Amino acid sequence: MRIFILDGAAMTDKAAAHEYLRRTLCLPEYYGGNLDALADCLAGFNSHTHIILTSADRLYQNLGEYGIMLVELFRELSMGAAAFSFAVDGEGIEE
């Protein structure tokens, strides 16, 4: 299993977010830098992949609606692909 931890604070705008995702998730150089290209690349992962998002509040603050769409994409992929799972750090944890 491959585990990737994404820091929402590092994604300061759309371009920075996609460059960060390309580097952190080891996406190919030809990665298109948009949500459709991200979905295509993640769907092509061969081994089980788990992504954990930290600082989700900063992601939403920085990217607004686009940040929400990004998280929804990860959630949709995790529901539809047996080899992909996603979690937001702290979500579902009771204090």
PDB file of N, CA and C in Angstrom:
ATOM      1  N   MET A   1       0.844  -1.183   0.000  1.00  0.00           N
ATOM      2  CA  MET A   1       0.000   0.000   0.000  1.00  0.00           C
ATOM      3  C   MET A   1       0.884   1.240   0.000  1.00  0.00           C
ATOM      4  N   ARG A   2       0.497   2.187  -0.836  1.00  0.00           N
ATOM      5  CA  ARG A   2       1.181   3.483  -0.845  1.00  0.00           C
ATOM      6  C   ARG A   2       0.317   4.459  -0.067  1.00  0.00           C
ATOM      7  N   ILE A   3       0.962   5.228   0.815  1.00  0.00           N
ATOM      8  CA  ILE A   3       0.264   6.235   1.610  1.00  0.00           C
ATOM      9  C   ILE A   3       0.869   7.594   1.292  1.00  0.00           C
ATOM     10  N   PHE A   4       0.000   8.528   0.942  1.00  0.00           N
ATOM     11  CA  PHE A   4       0.420   9.897   0.668  1.00  0.00           C
ATOM     12  C   PHE A   4      -0.289  10.819   1.643  1.00  0.00           C
ATOM     13  N   ILE A   5       0.453  11.756   2.210  1.00  0.00           N
ATOM     14  CA  ILE A   5      -0.125  12.770   3.086  1.00  0.00           C
ATOM     15  C   ILE A   5      -0.048  14.103   2.357  1.00  0.00           C
ATOM     16  N   LEU A   6      -1.202  14.695   2.129  1.00  0.00           N
ATOM     17  CA  LEU A   6      -1.283  15.986   1.448  1.00  0.00           C
ATOM     18  C   LEU A   6      -1.538  17.081   2.471  1.00  0.00           C
ATOM     19  N   ASP A   7      -0.785  18.151   2.378  1.00  0.00           N
ATOM     20  CA  ASP A   7      -0.935  19.304   3.267  1.00  0.00           C
ATOM     21  C   ASP A   7      -1.751  20.371   2.545  1.00  0.00           C
ATOM     22  N   GLY A   8      -2.977  20.567   2.996  1.00  0.00           N
ATOM     23  CA  GLY A   8      -3.852  21.557   2.381  1.00  0.00           C
ATOM     24  C   GLY A   8      -3.268  22.956   2.378  1.00  0.00           C
ATOM     25  N   ALA A   9      -2.443  23.270   3.360  1.00  0.00           N
ATOM     26  CA  ALA A   9      -1.834  24.607   3.444  1.00  0.00           C
ATOM     27  C   ALA A   9      -0.845  24.855   2.309  1.00  0.00           C
ATOM     28  N   ALA A  10      -0.319  23.797   1.717  1.00  0.00           N
ATOM     29  CA  ALA A  10       0.649  23.948   0.625  1.00  0.00           C
ATOM     30  C   ALA A  10      -0.016  24.281  -0.701  1.00  0.00           C
ATOM     31  N   MET A  11      -1.333  24.147  -0.755  1.00  0.00           N
ATOM     32  CA  MET A  11      -2.058  24.394  -2.001  1.00  0.00           C
ATOM     33  C   MET A  11      -2.677  25.789  -1.937  1.00  0.00           C
ATOM     34  N   THR A  12      -1.895  26.768  -2.336  1.00  0.00           N
ATOM     35  CA  THR A  12      -2.262  28.169  -2.144  1.00  0.00           C
ATOM     36  C   THR A  12      -3.140  28.745  -3.259  1.00  0.00           C
ATOM     37  N   ASP A  13      -3.089  28.154  -4.425  1.00  0.00           N
ATOM     38  CA  ASP A  13      -3.961  28.517  -5.546  1.00  0.00           C
ATOM     39  C   ASP A  13      -4.043  27.296  -6.466  1.00  0.00           C
ATOM     40  N   LYS A  14      -4.828  27.378  -7.529  1.00  0.00           N
ATOM     41  CA  LYS A  14      -5.025  26.207  -8.390  1.00  0.00           C
ATOM     42  C   LYS A  14      -3.717  25.687  -8.983  1.00  0.00           C
ATOM     43  N   ALA A  15      -2.923  26.589  -9.525  1.00  0.00           N
ATOM     44  CA  ALA A  15      -1.667  26.172 -10.159  1.00  0.00           C
ATOM     45  C   ALA A  15      -0.731  25.532  -9.135  1.00  0.00           C
ATOM     46  N   ALA A  16      -0.599  26.159  -7.982  1.00  0.00           N
ATOM     47  CA  ALA A  16       0.264  25.613  -6.926  1.00  0.00           C
ATOM     48  C   ALA A  16      -0.267  24.270  -6.438  1.00  0.00           C
ATOM     49  N   ALA A  17      -1.584  24.145  -6.354  1.00  0.00           N
ATOM     50  CA  ALA A  17      -2.195  22.894  -5.910  1.00  0.00           C
ATOM     51  C   ALA A  17      -1.852  21.763  -6.863  1.00  0.00           C
ATOM     52  N   HIS A  18      -2.005  22.003  -8.149  1.00  0.00           N
ATOM     53  CA  HIS A  18      -1.745  20.934  -9.113  1.00  0.00           C
ATOM     54  C   HIS A  18      -0.264  20.601  -9.218  1.00  0.00           C
ATOM     55  N   GLU A  19       0.604  21.580  -9.078  1.00  0.00           N
ATOM     56  CA  GLU A  19       2.046  21.292  -9.066  1.00  0.00           C
ATOM     57  C   GLU A  19       2.404  20.482  -7.820  1.00  0.00           C
ATOM     58  N   TYR A  20       1.842  20.861  -6.681  1.00  0.00           N
ATOM     59  CA  TYR A  20       2.067  20.127  -5.425  1.00  0.00           C
ATOM     60  C   TYR A  20       1.551  18.688  -5.551  1.00  0.00           C
ATOM     61  N   LEU A  21       0.360  18.513  -6.111  1.00  0.00           N
ATOM     62  CA  LEU A  21      -0.195  17.169  -6.293  1.00  0.00           C
ATOM     63  C   LEU A  21       0.668  16.355  -7.245  1.00  0.00           C
ATOM     64  N   ARG A  22       1.142  16.969  -8.323  1.00  0.00           N
ATOM     65  CA  ARG A  22       2.003  16.269  -9.281  1.00  0.00           C
ATOM     66  C   ARG A  22       3.246  15.729  -8.600  1.00  0.00           C
ATOM     67  N   ARG A  23       3.901  16.590  -7.817  1.00  0.00           N
ATOM     68  CA  ARG A  23       5.133  16.177  -7.134  1.00  0.00           C
ATOM     69  C   ARG A  23       4.848  15.158  -6.028  1.00  0.00           C
ATOM     70  N   THR A  24       3.891  15.464  -5.176  1.00  0.00           N
ATOM     71  CA  THR A  24       3.640  14.648  -3.987  1.00  0.00           C
ATOM     72  C   THR A  24       3.073  13.273  -4.330  1.00  0.00           C
ATOM     73  N   LEU A  25       2.201  13.216  -5.317  1.00  0.00           N
ATOM     74  CA  LEU A  25       1.584  11.942  -5.695  1.00  0.00           C
ATOM     75  C   LEU A  25       2.360  11.216  -6.796  1.00  0.00           C
ATOM     76  N   CYS A  26       3.503  11.779  -7.181  1.00  0.00           N
ATOM     77  CA  CYS A  26       4.365  11.173  -8.216  1.00  0.00           C
ATOM     78  C   CYS A  26       3.598  10.971  -9.527  1.00  0.00           C
ATOM     79  N   LEU A  27       2.862  12.002  -9.927  1.00  0.00           N
ATOM     80  CA  LEU A  27       2.105  11.942 -11.176  1.00  0.00           C
ATOM     81  C   LEU A  27       3.058  12.149 -12.344  1.00  0.00           C
ATOM     82  N   PRO A  28       2.695  11.651 -13.506  1.00  0.00           N
ATOM     83  CA  PRO A  28       3.598  11.766 -14.661  1.00  0.00           C
ATOM     84  C   PRO A  28       3.787  13.218 -15.105  1.00  0.00           C
ATOM     85  N   GLU A  29       4.883  13.459 -15.794  1.00  0.00           N
ATOM     86  CA  GLU A  29       5.199  14.812 -16.277  1.00  0.00           C
ATOM     87  C   GLU A  29       4.102  15.359 -17.187  1.00  0.00           C
ATOM     88  N   TYR A  30       3.419  14.490 -17.897  1.00  0.00           N
ATOM     89  CA  TYR A  30       2.369  14.939 -18.821  1.00  0.00           C
ATOM     90  C   TYR A  30       1.047  15.258 -18.120  1.00  0.00           C
ATOM     91  N   TYR A  31       1.000  15.113 -16.788  1.00  0.00           N
ATOM     92  CA  TYR A  31      -0.205  15.418 -16.013  1.00  0.00           C
ATOM     93  C   TYR A  31      -0.750  16.787 -16.412  1.00  0.00           C
ATOM     94  N   GLY A  32      -2.034  16.846 -16.706  1.00  0.00           N
ATOM     95  CA  GLY A  32      -2.645  18.049 -17.268  1.00  0.00           C
ATOM     96  C   GLY A  32      -2.943  19.186 -16.304  1.00  0.00           C
ATOM     97  N   GLY A  33      -2.798  18.968 -15.000  1.00  0.00           N
ATOM     98  CA  GLY A  33      -2.993  20.066 -14.057  1.00  0.00           C
ATOM     99  C   GLY A  33      -4.423  20.525 -13.911  1.00  0.00           C
ATOM    100  N   ASN A  34      -5.375  19.590 -13.962  1.00  0.00           N
ATOM    101  CA  ASN A  34      -6.776  19.918 -13.727  1.00  0.00           C
ATOM    102  C   ASN A  34      -7.450  18.713 -13.074  1.00  0.00           C
ATOM    103  N   LEU A  35      -8.690  18.875 -12.652  1.00  0.00           N
ATOM    104  CA  LEU A  35      -9.366  17.807 -11.909  1.00  0.00           C
ATOM    105  C   LEU A  35      -9.620  16.571 -12.758  1.00  0.00           C
ATOM    106  N   ASP A  36      -9.939  16.741 -14.034  1.00  0.00           N
ATOM    107  CA  ASP A  36     -10.144  15.580 -14.901  1.00  0.00           C
ATOM    108  C   ASP A  36      -8.851  14.784 -15.061  1.00  0.00           C
ATOM    109  N   ALA A  37      -7.754  15.482 -15.276  1.00  0.00           N
ATOM    110  CA  ALA A  37      -6.459  14.808 -15.415  1.00  0.00           C
ATOM    111  C   ALA A  37      -6.068  14.114 -14.115  1.00  0.00           C
ATOM    112  N   LEU A  38      -6.364  14.740 -12.976  1.00  0.00           N
ATOM    113  CA  LEU A  38      -6.071  14.133 -11.684  1.00  0.00           C
ATOM    114  C   LEU A  38      -6.865  12.840 -11.518  1.00  0.00           C
ATOM    115  N   ALA A  39      -8.143  12.874 -11.841  1.00  0.00           N
ATOM    116  CA  ALA A  39      -8.981  11.677 -11.739  1.00  0.00           C
ATOM    117  C   ALA A  39      -8.446  10.569 -12.631  1.00  0.00           C
ATOM    118  N   ASP A  40      -8.054  10.906 -13.845  1.00  0.00           N
ATOM    119  CA  ASP A  40      -7.508   9.902 -14.766  1.00  0.00           C
ATOM    120  C   ASP A  40      -6.230   9.279 -14.215  1.00  0.00           C
ATOM    121  N   CYS A  41      -5.331  10.104 -13.694  1.00  0.00           N
ATOM    122  CA  CYS A  41      -4.071   9.598 -13.157  1.00  0.00           C
ATOM    123  C   CYS A  41      -4.301   8.711 -11.934  1.00  0.00           C
ATOM    124  N   LEU A  42      -5.151   9.159 -11.023  1.00  0.00           N
ATOM    125  CA  LEU A  42      -5.405   8.378  -9.814  1.00  0.00           C
ATOM    126  C   LEU A  42      -6.106   7.071 -10.136  1.00  0.00           C
ATOM    127  N   ALA A  43      -7.000   7.073 -11.102  1.00  0.00           N
ATOM    128  CA  ALA A  43      -7.690   5.846 -11.496  1.00  0.00           C
ATOM    129  C   ALA A  43      -6.714   4.842 -12.093  1.00  0.00           C
ATOM    130  N   GLY A  44      -5.603   5.324 -12.600  1.00  0.00           N
ATOM    131  CA  GLY A  44      -4.597   4.451 -13.201  1.00  0.00           C
ATOM    132  C   GLY A  44      -3.583   3.881 -12.225  1.00  0.00           C
ATOM    133  N   PHE A  45      -3.659   4.255 -10.953  1.00  0.00           N
ATOM    134  CA  PHE A  45      -2.729   3.697  -9.971  1.00  0.00           C
ATOM    135  C   PHE A  45      -2.942   2.187  -9.882  1.00  0.00           C
ATOM    136  N   ASN A  46      -1.851   1.421  -9.918  1.00  0.00           N
ATOM    137  CA  ASN A  46      -1.933  -0.032  -9.937  1.00  0.00           C
ATOM    138  C   ASN A  46      -1.998  -0.662  -8.550  1.00  0.00           C
ATOM    139  N   SER A  47      -1.365  -0.053  -7.574  1.00  0.00           N
ATOM    140  CA  SER A  47      -1.375  -0.621  -6.233  1.00  0.00           C
ATOM    141  C   SER A  47      -2.302   0.196  -5.339  1.00  0.00           C
ATOM    142  N   HIS A  48      -2.720  -0.418  -4.226  1.00  0.00           N
ATOM    143  CA  HIS A  48      -3.636   0.290  -3.333  1.00  0.00           C
ATOM    144  C   HIS A  48      -2.980   1.582  -2.857  1.00  0.00           C
ATOM    145  N   THR A  49      -3.740   2.651  -2.913  1.00  0.00           N
ATOM    146  CA  THR A  49      -3.253   3.977  -2.546  1.00  0.00           C
ATOM    147  C   THR A  49      -4.193   4.584  -1.523  1.00  0.00           C
ATOM    148  N   HIS A  50      -3.607   5.101  -0.447  1.00  0.00           N
ATOM    149  CA  HIS A  50      -4.388   5.794   0.575  1.00  0.00           C
ATOM    150  C   HIS A  50      -3.866   7.220   0.665  1.00  0.00           C
ATOM    151  N   ILE A  51      -4.764   8.187   0.550  1.00  0.00           N
ATOM    152  CA  ILE A  51      -4.403   9.606   0.640  1.00  0.00           C
ATOM    153  C   ILE A  51      -5.042  10.181   1.887  1.00  0.00           C
ATOM    154  N   ILE A  52      -4.231  10.889   2.658  1.00  0.00           N
ATOM    155  CA  ILE A  52      -4.697  11.587   3.860  1.00  0.00           C
ATOM    156  C   ILE A  52      -4.489  13.077   3.633  1.00  0.00           C
ATOM    157  N   LEU A  53      -5.538  13.844   3.803  1.00  0.00           N
ATOM    158  CA  LEU A  53      -5.454  15.302   3.676  1.00  0.00           C
ATOM    159  C   LEU A  53      -5.376  15.924   5.061  1.00  0.00           C
ATOM    160  N   THR A  54      -4.331  16.707   5.293  1.00  0.00           N
ATOM    161  CA  THR A  54      -4.215  17.480   6.521  1.00  0.00           C
ATOM    162  C   THR A  54      -4.482  18.947   6.186  1.00  0.00           C
ATOM    163  N   SER A  55      -4.782  19.736   7.185  1.00  0.00           N
ATOM    164  CA  SER A  55      -5.039  21.176   7.008  1.00  0.00           C
ATOM    165  C   SER A  55      -6.113  21.441   5.964  1.00  0.00           C
ATOM    166  N   ALA A  56      -7.190  20.661   6.025  1.00  0.00           N
ATOM    167  CA  ALA A  56      -8.293  20.839   5.072  1.00  0.00           C
ATOM    168  C   ALA A  56      -8.873  22.242   5.165  1.00  0.00           C
ATOM    169  N   ASP A  57      -8.897  22.801   6.366  1.00  0.00           N
ATOM    170  CA  ASP A  57      -9.437  24.155   6.528  1.00  0.00           C
ATOM    171  C   ASP A  57      -8.643  25.168   5.712  1.00  0.00           C
ATOM    172  N   ARG A  58      -7.328  25.007   5.656  1.00  0.00           N
ATOM    173  CA  ARG A  58      -6.485  25.910   4.857  1.00  0.00           C
ATOM    174  C   ARG A  58      -6.713  25.695   3.370  1.00  0.00           C
ATOM    175  N   LEU A  59      -6.919  24.441   2.975  1.00  0.00           N
ATOM    176  CA  LEU A  59      -7.215  24.150   1.585  1.00  0.00           C
ATOM    177  C   LEU A  59      -8.478  24.877   1.162  1.00  0.00           C
ATOM    178  N   TYR A  60      -9.537  24.769   1.979  1.00  0.00           N
ATOM    179  CA  TYR A  60     -10.795  25.441   1.657  1.00  0.00           C
ATOM    180  C   TYR A  60     -10.629  26.961   1.657  1.00  0.00           C
ATOM    181  N   GLN A  61      -9.843  27.473   2.592  1.00  0.00           N
ATOM    182  CA  GLN A  61      -9.600  28.915   2.668  1.00  0.00           C
ATOM    183  C   GLN A  61      -8.858  29.395   1.413  1.00  0.00           C
ATOM    184  N   ASN A  62      -7.849  28.639   1.004  1.00  0.00           N
ATOM    185  CA  ASN A  62      -7.027  29.031  -0.143  1.00  0.00           C
ATOM    186  C   ASN A  62      -7.742  28.866  -1.482  1.00  0.00           C
ATOM    187  N   LEU A  63      -8.478  27.767  -1.635  1.00  0.00           N
ATOM    188  CA  LEU A  63      -9.034  27.423  -2.940  1.00  0.00           C
ATOM    189  C   LEU A  63     -10.546  27.593  -3.046  1.00  0.00           C
ATOM    190  N   GLY A  64     -11.214  27.810  -1.919  1.00  0.00           N
ATOM    191  CA  GLY A  64     -12.662  28.005  -1.951  1.00  0.00           C
ATOM    192  C   GLY A  64     -13.392  26.824  -2.563  1.00  0.00           C
ATOM    193  N   GLU A  65     -14.291  27.116  -3.495  1.00  0.00           N
ATOM    194  CA  GLU A  65     -15.108  26.084  -4.148  1.00  0.00           C
ATOM    195  C   GLU A  65     -14.236  25.029  -4.837  1.00  0.00           C
ATOM    196  N   TYR A  66     -13.108  25.441  -5.392  1.00  0.00           N
ATOM    197  CA  TYR A  66     -12.227  24.490  -6.071  1.00  0.00           C
ATOM    198  C   TYR A  66     -11.671  23.472  -5.083  1.00  0.00           C
ATOM    199  N   GLY A  67     -11.378  23.908  -3.862  1.00  0.00           N
ATOM    200  CA  GLY A  67     -10.909  22.993  -2.821  1.00  0.00           C
ATOM    201  C   GLY A  67     -11.969  21.973  -2.461  1.00  0.00           C
ATOM    202  N   ILE A  68     -13.214  22.417  -2.417  1.00  0.00           N
ATOM    203  CA  ILE A  68     -14.324  21.503  -2.139  1.00  0.00           C
ATOM    204  C   ILE A  68     -14.443  20.481  -3.268  1.00  0.00           C
ATOM    205  N   MET A  69     -14.311  20.928  -4.501  1.00  0.00           N
ATOM    206  CA  MET A  69     -14.380  20.027  -5.647  1.00  0.00           C
ATOM    207  C   MET A  69     -13.237  19.006  -5.626  1.00  0.00           C
ATOM    208  N   LEU A  70     -12.063  19.438  -5.210  1.00  0.00           N
ATOM    209  CA  LEU A  70     -10.914  18.542  -5.114  1.00  0.00           C
ATOM    210  C   LEU A  70     -11.170  17.434  -4.090  1.00  0.00           C
ATOM    211  N   VAL A  71     -11.651  17.810  -2.928  1.00  0.00           N
ATOM    212  CA  VAL A  71     -11.958  16.820  -1.883  1.00  0.00           C
ATOM    213  C   VAL A  71     -13.078  15.892  -2.345  1.00  0.00           C
ATOM    214  N   GLU A  72     -14.084  16.426  -3.021  1.00  0.00           N
ATOM    215  CA  GLU A  72     -15.164  15.589  -3.542  1.00  0.00           C
ATOM    216  C   GLU A  72     -14.632  14.580  -4.553  1.00  0.00           C
ATOM    217  N   LEU A  73     -13.676  14.990  -5.377  1.00  0.00           N
ATOM    218  CA  LEU A  73     -13.078  14.076  -6.341  1.00  0.00           C
ATOM    219  C   LEU A  73     -12.404  12.913  -5.614  1.00  0.00           C
ATOM    220  N   PHE A  74     -11.606  13.225  -4.588  1.00  0.00           N
ATOM    221  CA  PHE A  74     -10.943  12.165  -3.813  1.00  0.00           C
ATOM    222  C   PHE A  74     -11.978  11.235  -3.180  1.00  0.00           C
ATOM    223  N   ARG A  75     -13.035  11.801  -2.632  1.00  0.00           N
ATOM    224  CA  ARG A  75     -14.066  10.982  -1.991  1.00  0.00           C
ATOM    225  C   ARG A  75     -14.785  10.089  -3.002  1.00  0.00           C
ATOM    226  N   GLU A  76     -15.108  10.632  -4.151  1.00  0.00           N
ATOM    227  CA  GLU A  76     -15.783   9.840  -5.183  1.00  0.00           C
ATOM    228  C   GLU A  76     -14.900   8.688  -5.650  1.00  0.00           C
ATOM    229  N   LEU A  77     -13.612   8.966  -5.849  1.00  0.00           N
ATOM    230  CA  LEU A  77     -12.695   7.907  -6.268  1.00  0.00           C
ATOM    231  C   LEU A  77     -12.601   6.815  -5.206  1.00  0.00           C
ATOM    232  N   SER A  78     -12.605   7.221  -3.946  1.00  0.00           N
ATOM    233  CA  SER A  78     -12.476   6.230  -2.878  1.00  0.00           C
ATOM    234  C   SER A  78     -13.720   5.351  -2.765  1.00  0.00           C
ATOM    235  N   MET A  79     -14.861   5.856  -3.201  1.00  0.00           N
ATOM    236  CA  MET A  79     -16.086   5.060  -3.163  1.00  0.00           C
ATOM    237  C   MET A  79     -16.177   4.102  -4.347  1.00  0.00           C
ATOM    238  N   GLY A  80     -15.532   4.468  -5.444  1.00  0.00           N
ATOM    239  CA  GLY A  80     -15.682   3.681  -6.650  1.00  0.00           C
ATOM    240  C   GLY A  80     -14.528   2.761  -6.989  1.00  0.00           C
ATOM    241  N   ALA A  81     -13.407   2.923  -6.309  1.00  0.00           N
ATOM    242  CA  ALA A  81     -12.235   2.117  -6.653  1.00  0.00           C
ATOM    243  C   ALA A  81     -11.747   1.355  -5.431  1.00  0.00           C
ATOM    244  N   ALA A  82     -11.638   0.054  -5.574  1.00  0.00           N
ATOM    245  CA  ALA A  82     -11.198  -0.783  -4.458  1.00  0.00           C
ATOM    246  C   ALA A  82      -9.749  -0.490  -4.073  1.00  0.00           C
ATOM    247  N   ALA A  83      -8.954   0.003  -5.008  1.00  0.00           N
ATOM    248  CA  ALA A  83      -7.536   0.221  -4.743  1.00  0.00           C
ATOM    249  C   ALA A  83      -7.226   1.651  -4.313  1.00  0.00           C
ATOM    250  N   PHE A  84      -8.240   2.420  -3.940  1.00  0.00           N
ATOM    251  CA  PHE A  84      -8.018   3.824  -3.585  1.00  0.00           C
ATOM    252  C   PHE A  84      -8.852   4.166  -2.360  1.00  0.00           C
ATOM    253  N   SER A  85      -8.224   4.797  -1.371  1.00  0.00           N
ATOM    254  CA  SER A  85      -8.971   5.267  -0.208  1.00  0.00           C
ATOM    255  C   SER A  85      -8.490   6.672   0.151  1.00  0.00           C
ATOM    256  N   PHE A  86      -9.375   7.399   0.828  1.00  0.00           N
ATOM    257  CA  PHE A  86      -9.118   8.810   1.137  1.00  0.00           C
ATOM    258  C   PHE A  86      -9.691   9.145   2.500  1.00  0.00           C
ATOM    259  N   ALA A  87      -8.972   9.980   3.241  1.00  0.00           N
ATOM    260  CA  ALA A  87      -9.453  10.452   4.535  1.00  0.00           C
ATOM    261  C   ALA A  87      -8.957  11.871   4.761  1.00  0.00           C
ATOM    262  N   VAL A  88      -9.780  12.628   5.475  1.00  0.00           N
ATOM    263  CA  VAL A  88      -9.372  13.966   5.915  1.00  0.00           C
ATOM    264  C   VAL A  88      -8.928  13.800   7.359  1.00  0.00           C
ATOM    265  N   ASP A  89      -7.709  14.206   7.663  1.00  0.00           N
ATOM    266  CA  ASP A  89      -7.166  14.066   9.012  1.00  0.00           C
ATOM    267  C   ASP A  89      -8.082  14.735  10.034  1.00  0.00           C
ATOM    268  N   GLY A  90      -8.455  13.988  11.057  1.00  0.00           N
ATOM    269  CA  GLY A  90      -9.289  14.529  12.121  1.00  0.00           C
ATOM    270  C   GLY A  90     -10.769  14.355  11.895  1.00  0.00           C
ATOM    271  N   GLU A  91     -11.166  14.024  10.683  1.00  0.00           N
ATOM    272  CA  GLU A  91     -12.583  13.867  10.371  1.00  0.00           C
ATOM    273  C   GLU A  91     -13.087  12.583  11.012  1.00  0.00           C
ATOM    274  N   GLY A  92     -14.190  12.683  11.724  1.00  0.00           N
ATOM    275  CA  GLY A  92     -14.764  11.513  12.352  1.00  0.00           C
ATOM    276  C   GLY A  92     -14.146  11.166  13.692  1.00  0.00           C
ATOM    277  N   ILE A  93     -13.207  11.980  14.155  1.00  0.00           N
ATOM    278  CA  ILE A  93     -12.568  11.749  15.438  1.00  0.00           C
ATOM    279  C   ILE A  93     -13.262  12.623  16.470  1.00  0.00           C
ATOM    280  N   GLU A  94     -13.766  12.002  17.494  1.00  0.00           N
ATOM    281  CA  GLU A  94     -14.447  12.763  18.544  1.00  0.00           C
ATOM    282  C   GLU A  94     -13.436  13.172  19.598  1.00  0.00           C
ATOM    283  N   GLU A  95     -13.552  14.408  20.037  1.00  0.00           N
ATOM    284  CA  GLU A  95     -12.650  14.948  21.060  1.00  0.00           C
ATOM    285  C   GLU A  95     -13.125  14.544  22.422  1.00  0.00           C
TER     286      GLU A  95
END
